[in-house]
Structure formats: C-alpha cells, structure tokens
C-alpha cells in the first residue's frame, strides 16, 4: 500500500511539474526569432534577410512614423566629425538622421569606428589589436558604447520627442566568443518582456546575429550587453570583447 502511494505521489508530482512547465511556457510572449553565427557575413546573411522580411519594407530615413515596416542603422551614414576618435551624439539617429532611436549608457558615450584612410579602423584608435578581433557585416563602420559593456536603445517617433514602440529589434555583433552577450526587451511600462542570448562563434573576426519580433507585445526599449568587459587600451585579458554592426528594428509607432 505504501509502495503504491509513493508511486502515485511520484506520478502526480511529475504531472504537476509538467503542467507547471507548460504554463510557464504559455506565459512567455509569442515571438519570431532569427539567429545565426559564423566566420563571415555570408554565414549570417540568410538569418538577417529573414528577419528583414519578417519586419517588412525598409522605410526612408525621414521624420514621422510609417506605421509599419522597418528601419535600419548600418553606421556608415555617420560623418567623420562624429566618428572615431570623436564621439557620436546619443540622439544622432533621431535628430541628424531620423530613425527613431536614442541611446543611453552608464559609460562615457558612444563611438562609431573610423573609415580607412581617415583614422584607425575597427576601434584600433582605442587598442591597436582590435582590428584583428573584430570584423564588419556591412562595410565599414562598427559601433560601441565607451566605458561600459551596456547600452539602452529607446524608441521615439522618428524626428520627435514622442515615445514610441516597435514590433522588434535585432543586431549584428562581432567576436562573440562566450556566453554573456544578450538583448533584453522591455515594454512601455518598463516590464521586461524577454531576454535572449546572442549566438556564440568562437574565434576572432566572427559575426553573430539575433533578431526578435514580438507577435503580440510592443517593445519600447532594449538593453544590450556586449561581451564581458568594456573596450580599453589595457582591458583585462581573458574577457570577451564585443562590438556591434547593423541594427534592424520594426518601425517606431506612437
């Protein structure tokens, strides 16, 4: 009798555990995820293109919201005056080139890497070894926060101070060697909707992509963690250094 009771208890516990797991899975927001990693742009191109198609038509870089489609940032439109070794304004892609995003960080600012022939490329201005670690997805600039491995992207109606939301956000990263690079998504109330790890591709000059589109929820902010340490002339060795290339996201709408 005792043996049968134990058996029934184990079965019941297993069933309850399965039900709880299923409920937890049902509680997660429904999303479409595209991700890939590899040693070349070609290795992630199909995932990037699938994410673009999922978001919709690419909209022009003008003020106002188109209501649907997508916006992109590939950093190559940033002029030399706002590129390394200079800082890029946090609102450049909402004011100078209206695409509806403003950046913040607990570091000292933001920098876009220089073009060849103008200044050291791929953040060699910070550390001359970096061009042997990083590579590009779309030639030829990269992007990073300075003095921090974290940055926040907030959405606005392009060219305005009106807060907006997006259907999703994706980014290309370079040199993701180990776990720790991730994107967290938040709604307009500041509640975290989900967090996803960026796929790993060990070795130097590799590329990784993560793009998430929410099917029911709207994203007001994303928080990006790039690697395990900030860039620097004498950063701690043995840590994962990561910077970013293209940003792709759903049209910001009020």
Protein backbone atom coordinates (compact mmCIF):
# COMPACT_ATOMS: atom_id res chain seq x y z
CA UNK A 1 0.00 0.00 0.00
CA UNK A 2 2.82 2.36 0.95
CA UNK A 3 4.68 1.46 -2.23
CA UNK A 4 1.57 2.23 -4.30
CA UNK A 5 1.14 5.57 -2.50
CA UNK A 6 4.74 6.50 -3.29
CA UNK A 7 4.21 5.57 -6.93
CA UNK A 8 1.03 7.65 -7.16
CA UNK A 9 2.81 10.57 -5.46
CA UNK A 10 5.71 10.42 -7.94
CA UNK A 11 3.31 10.25 -10.87
CA UNK A 12 1.23 13.14 -9.53
CA UNK A 13 4.37 15.22 -8.89
CA UNK A 14 5.61 14.55 -12.42
CA UNK A 15 2.24 15.54 -13.87
CA UNK A 16 2.12 18.74 -11.78
CA UNK A 17 5.68 19.59 -12.80
CA UNK A 18 4.81 19.07 -16.46
CA UNK A 19 1.70 21.25 -16.09
CA UNK A 20 3.73 23.99 -14.36
CA UNK A 21 6.38 23.88 -17.09
CA UNK A 22 3.71 24.08 -19.77
CA UNK A 23 2.07 27.02 -18.00
CA UNK A 24 5.42 28.78 -17.77
CA UNK A 25 5.98 28.21 -21.49
CA UNK A 26 2.50 29.53 -22.24
CA UNK A 27 3.32 32.62 -20.16
CA UNK A 28 6.25 33.55 -22.41
CA UNK A 29 5.41 36.11 -25.10
CA UNK A 30 4.97 34.67 -28.60
CA UNK A 31 7.89 35.73 -30.80
CA UNK A 32 9.62 35.04 -34.08
CA UNK A 33 13.38 34.64 -33.61
CA UNK A 34 16.11 34.70 -36.23
CA UNK A 35 19.68 33.96 -35.20
CA UNK A 36 22.94 32.80 -36.70
CA UNK A 37 26.70 32.92 -36.16
CA UNK A 38 29.75 32.19 -38.25
CA UNK A 39 33.07 33.30 -39.65
CA UNK A 40 31.76 35.50 -42.46
CA UNK A 41 28.93 37.81 -43.45
CA UNK A 42 27.58 35.02 -45.65
CA UNK A 43 27.14 32.80 -42.59
CA UNK A 44 24.52 35.11 -41.07
CA UNK A 45 23.08 36.73 -44.21
CA UNK A 46 20.08 34.41 -44.56
CA UNK A 47 19.03 34.99 -40.93
CA UNK A 48 19.38 38.77 -41.36
CA UNK A 49 17.36 38.70 -44.57
CA UNK A 50 14.65 36.53 -42.98
CA UNK A 51 14.36 38.98 -40.11
CA UNK A 52 14.12 41.92 -42.50
CA UNK A 53 11.35 40.18 -44.41
CA UNK A 54 9.53 39.40 -41.18
CA UNK A 55 9.54 43.08 -40.15
CA UNK A 56 8.51 44.39 -43.56
CA UNK A 57 9.52 47.09 -46.03
CA UNK A 58 12.54 49.29 -45.32
CA UNK A 59 11.35 52.84 -44.73
CA UNK A 60 13.30 56.01 -45.64
CA UNK A 61 15.20 57.99 -43.01
CA UNK A 62 12.70 60.81 -42.62
CA UNK A 63 10.68 62.21 -39.68
CA UNK A 64 7.34 60.70 -38.75
CA UNK A 65 6.10 57.15 -38.45
CA UNK A 66 5.06 55.00 -41.40
CA UNK A 67 3.07 52.74 -39.07
CA UNK A 68 4.63 49.51 -40.35
CA UNK A 69 7.79 48.17 -41.97
CA UNK A 70 11.27 48.59 -40.56
CA UNK A 71 14.21 50.93 -40.03
CA UNK A 72 17.91 50.09 -40.15
CA UNK A 73 21.19 51.57 -38.97
CA UNK A 74 24.45 50.47 -40.56
CA UNK A 75 26.57 53.35 -39.12
CA UNK A 76 28.09 54.28 -42.47
CA UNK A 77 25.97 57.41 -42.72
CA UNK A 78 27.70 58.89 -39.69
CA UNK A 79 30.08 61.66 -40.84
CA UNK A 80 33.77 61.67 -39.92
CA UNK A 81 33.17 64.53 -37.46
CA UNK A 82 31.05 62.14 -35.34
CA UNK A 83 33.24 59.06 -35.86
CA UNK A 84 36.39 57.81 -34.11
CA UNK A 85 38.23 59.31 -32.40
CA UNK A 86 35.25 61.63 -31.87
CA UNK A 87 32.01 60.80 -30.05
CA UNK A 88 28.67 60.24 -31.78
CA UNK A 89 25.68 62.11 -30.27
CA UNK A 90 23.29 59.75 -28.48
CA UNK A 91 20.35 61.16 -30.48
CA UNK A 92 22.08 61.21 -33.87
CA UNK A 93 19.62 58.65 -35.28
CA UNK A 94 16.62 60.61 -34.12
CA UNK A 95 17.77 64.15 -34.95
CA UNK A 96 20.51 64.20 -37.59
CA UNK A 97 19.23 61.11 -39.39
CA UNK A 98 15.66 60.46 -38.15
CA UNK A 99 15.25 56.74 -37.50
CA UNK A 100 13.51 56.86 -34.13
CA UNK A 101 16.14 55.67 -31.65
CA UNK A 102 18.06 57.36 -28.83
CA UNK A 103 20.87 55.68 -26.92
CA UNK A 104 21.88 55.85 -23.25
CA UNK A 105 24.70 54.16 -21.32
CA UNK A 106 26.29 54.21 -17.90
CA UNK A 107 29.59 54.72 -19.71
CA UNK A 108 31.12 57.86 -21.20
CA UNK A 109 29.32 57.94 -24.56
CA UNK A 110 29.16 56.27 -27.96
CA UNK A 111 31.59 55.85 -30.80
CA UNK A 112 31.40 54.75 -34.42
CA UNK A 113 34.63 53.39 -35.89
CA UNK A 114 36.51 55.38 -38.50
CA UNK A 115 36.75 54.80 -42.23
CA UNK A 116 40.05 53.61 -43.66
CA UNK A 117 42.35 56.46 -44.59
CA UNK A 118 40.74 58.83 -42.07
CA UNK A 119 41.66 57.25 -38.72
CA UNK A 120 42.47 53.76 -37.37
CA UNK A 121 39.67 51.37 -38.32
CA UNK A 122 37.58 48.97 -36.17
CA UNK A 123 38.47 50.81 -32.94
CA UNK A 124 42.22 50.48 -33.35
CA UNK A 125 42.22 54.05 -32.05
CA UNK A 126 41.33 52.54 -28.64
CA UNK A 127 43.57 49.50 -28.88
CA UNK A 128 45.71 48.71 -31.95
CA UNK A 129 44.86 44.99 -31.67
CA UNK A 130 41.13 45.41 -32.16
CA UNK A 131 41.07 45.20 -35.95
CA UNK A 132 42.42 41.64 -35.57
CA UNK A 133 39.49 40.78 -33.27
CA UNK A 134 36.54 42.49 -34.95
CA UNK A 135 35.13 42.33 -38.46
CA UNK A 136 32.29 44.00 -40.34
CA UNK A 137 28.96 42.84 -41.70
CA UNK A 138 28.20 45.92 -43.80
CA UNK A 139 31.33 47.95 -44.72
CA UNK A 140 32.88 49.61 -43.00
CA UNK A 141 31.94 51.11 -39.66
CA UNK A 142 31.19 49.46 -36.30
CA UNK A 143 29.52 50.80 -33.14
CA UNK A 144 30.12 50.61 -29.39
CA UNK A 145 29.40 52.24 -26.06
CA UNK A 146 32.52 53.64 -24.38
CA UNK A 147 33.40 52.95 -20.77
CA UNK A 148 30.69 50.30 -20.47
CA UNK A 149 29.60 46.99 -21.95
CA UNK A 150 25.93 48.03 -21.70
CA UNK A 151 23.69 50.40 -23.62
CA UNK A 152 19.98 51.07 -23.89
CA UNK A 153 18.00 51.81 -27.05
CA UNK A 154 14.73 53.73 -26.65
CA UNK A 155 12.22 54.22 -29.44
CA UNK A 156 10.66 57.53 -30.49
CA UNK A 157 8.54 58.66 -33.39
CA UNK A 158 11.40 59.49 -35.78
CA UNK A 159 12.47 63.10 -35.55
CA UNK A 160 10.42 63.84 -32.41
CA UNK A 161 10.42 63.50 -28.63
CA UNK A 162 7.22 61.40 -28.71
CA UNK A 163 7.87 57.97 -27.14
CA UNK A 164 7.17 55.07 -29.48
CA UNK A 165 7.16 51.29 -29.55
CA UNK A 166 8.43 48.76 -32.05
CA UNK A 167 7.48 45.22 -33.03
CA UNK A 168 11.03 44.01 -32.51
CA UNK A 169 14.75 44.62 -32.63
CA UNK A 170 17.80 42.80 -33.96
CA UNK A 171 21.54 43.45 -34.15
CA UNK A 172 24.74 42.11 -35.63
CA UNK A 173 27.65 41.54 -33.23
CA UNK A 174 31.29 40.71 -33.87
CA UNK A 175 33.63 38.50 -31.80
CA UNK A 176 31.08 36.84 -29.50
CA UNK A 177 33.39 34.16 -28.07
CA UNK A 178 31.49 33.06 -24.97
CA UNK A 179 28.12 33.44 -23.20
CA UNK A 180 27.17 36.86 -21.87
CA UNK A 181 26.21 38.93 -24.91
CA UNK A 182 22.43 39.38 -24.82
CA UNK A 183 19.46 41.59 -25.64
CA UNK A 184 16.65 42.27 -23.15
CA UNK A 185 13.31 43.66 -24.36
CA UNK A 186 11.01 45.92 -22.30
CA UNK A 187 7.52 47.29 -22.78
CA UNK A 188 6.32 50.88 -22.28
CA UNK A 189 5.76 50.23 -18.56
CA UNK A 190 9.37 49.16 -18.10
CA UNK A 191 8.48 45.49 -17.68
CA UNK A 192 10.90 43.01 -19.19
CA UNK A 193 9.19 41.02 -21.91
CA UNK A 194 12.04 38.63 -22.64
CA UNK A 195 15.80 38.25 -22.80
CA UNK A 196 17.73 36.34 -25.45
CA UNK A 197 21.37 35.30 -25.66
CA UNK A 198 23.28 36.18 -28.80
CA UNK A 199 24.68 33.06 -30.51
CA UNK A 200 28.37 32.32 -30.00
CA UNK A 201 31.00 31.92 -32.70
CA UNK A 202 34.40 31.28 -31.07
CA UNK A 203 37.49 32.82 -32.59
CA UNK A 204 38.44 36.24 -33.89
CA UNK A 205 36.69 38.23 -36.64
CA UNK A 206 33.43 36.30 -36.36
CA UNK A 207 29.85 37.56 -36.69
CA UNK A 208 26.65 36.81 -34.77
CA UNK A 209 23.06 37.92 -35.32
CA UNK A 210 19.98 37.93 -33.12
CA UNK A 211 16.62 39.36 -34.20
CA UNK A 212 13.34 39.02 -32.27
CA UNK A 213 9.87 40.12 -33.41
CA UNK A 214 7.04 40.11 -30.87
CA UNK A 215 3.73 38.88 -32.22
CA UNK A 216 1.50 40.44 -29.56
CA UNK A 217 3.59 42.74 -27.35
CA UNK A 218 5.25 46.04 -28.23
CA UNK A 219 8.83 46.96 -27.37
CA UNK A 220 9.63 50.42 -26.01
CA UNK A 221 13.23 49.79 -25.02
CA UNK A 222 16.01 47.24 -25.46
CA UNK A 223 19.04 46.78 -23.26
CA UNK A 224 22.15 45.34 -24.91
CA UNK A 225 25.05 43.70 -23.10
CA UNK A 226 28.09 43.37 -25.37
CA UNK A 227 30.65 40.87 -24.12
CA UNK A 228 32.00 40.67 -20.60
CA UNK A 229 34.13 43.81 -20.44
CA UNK A 230 34.37 47.31 -21.90
CA UNK A 231 36.85 48.31 -24.58
CA UNK A 232 40.09 49.87 -23.40
CA UNK A 233 43.79 50.31 -24.03
CA UNK A 234 44.54 47.93 -21.15
CA UNK A 235 41.38 45.92 -20.69
CA UNK A 236 41.53 42.77 -18.63
CA UNK A 237 42.74 39.84 -20.68
CA UNK A 238 40.70 36.66 -20.90
CA UNK A 239 37.43 38.59 -21.18
CA UNK A 240 35.07 38.64 -24.16
CA UNK A 241 35.28 41.88 -26.17
CA UNK A 242 32.27 42.50 -28.43
CA UNK A 243 31.11 45.43 -30.60
CA UNK A 244 28.15 45.86 -32.94
CA UNK A 245 27.30 46.38 -36.58
CA UNK A 246 23.81 46.72 -38.13
CA UNK A 247 20.70 47.47 -36.04
CA UNK A 248 17.38 46.35 -37.58
CA UNK A 249 14.03 47.09 -35.92
CA UNK A 250 10.32 47.49 -36.52
CA UNK A 251 9.03 50.94 -37.46
CA UNK A 252 8.63 53.04 -34.27
CA UNK A 253 4.97 53.97 -33.81
CA UNK A 254 3.39 56.19 -31.15
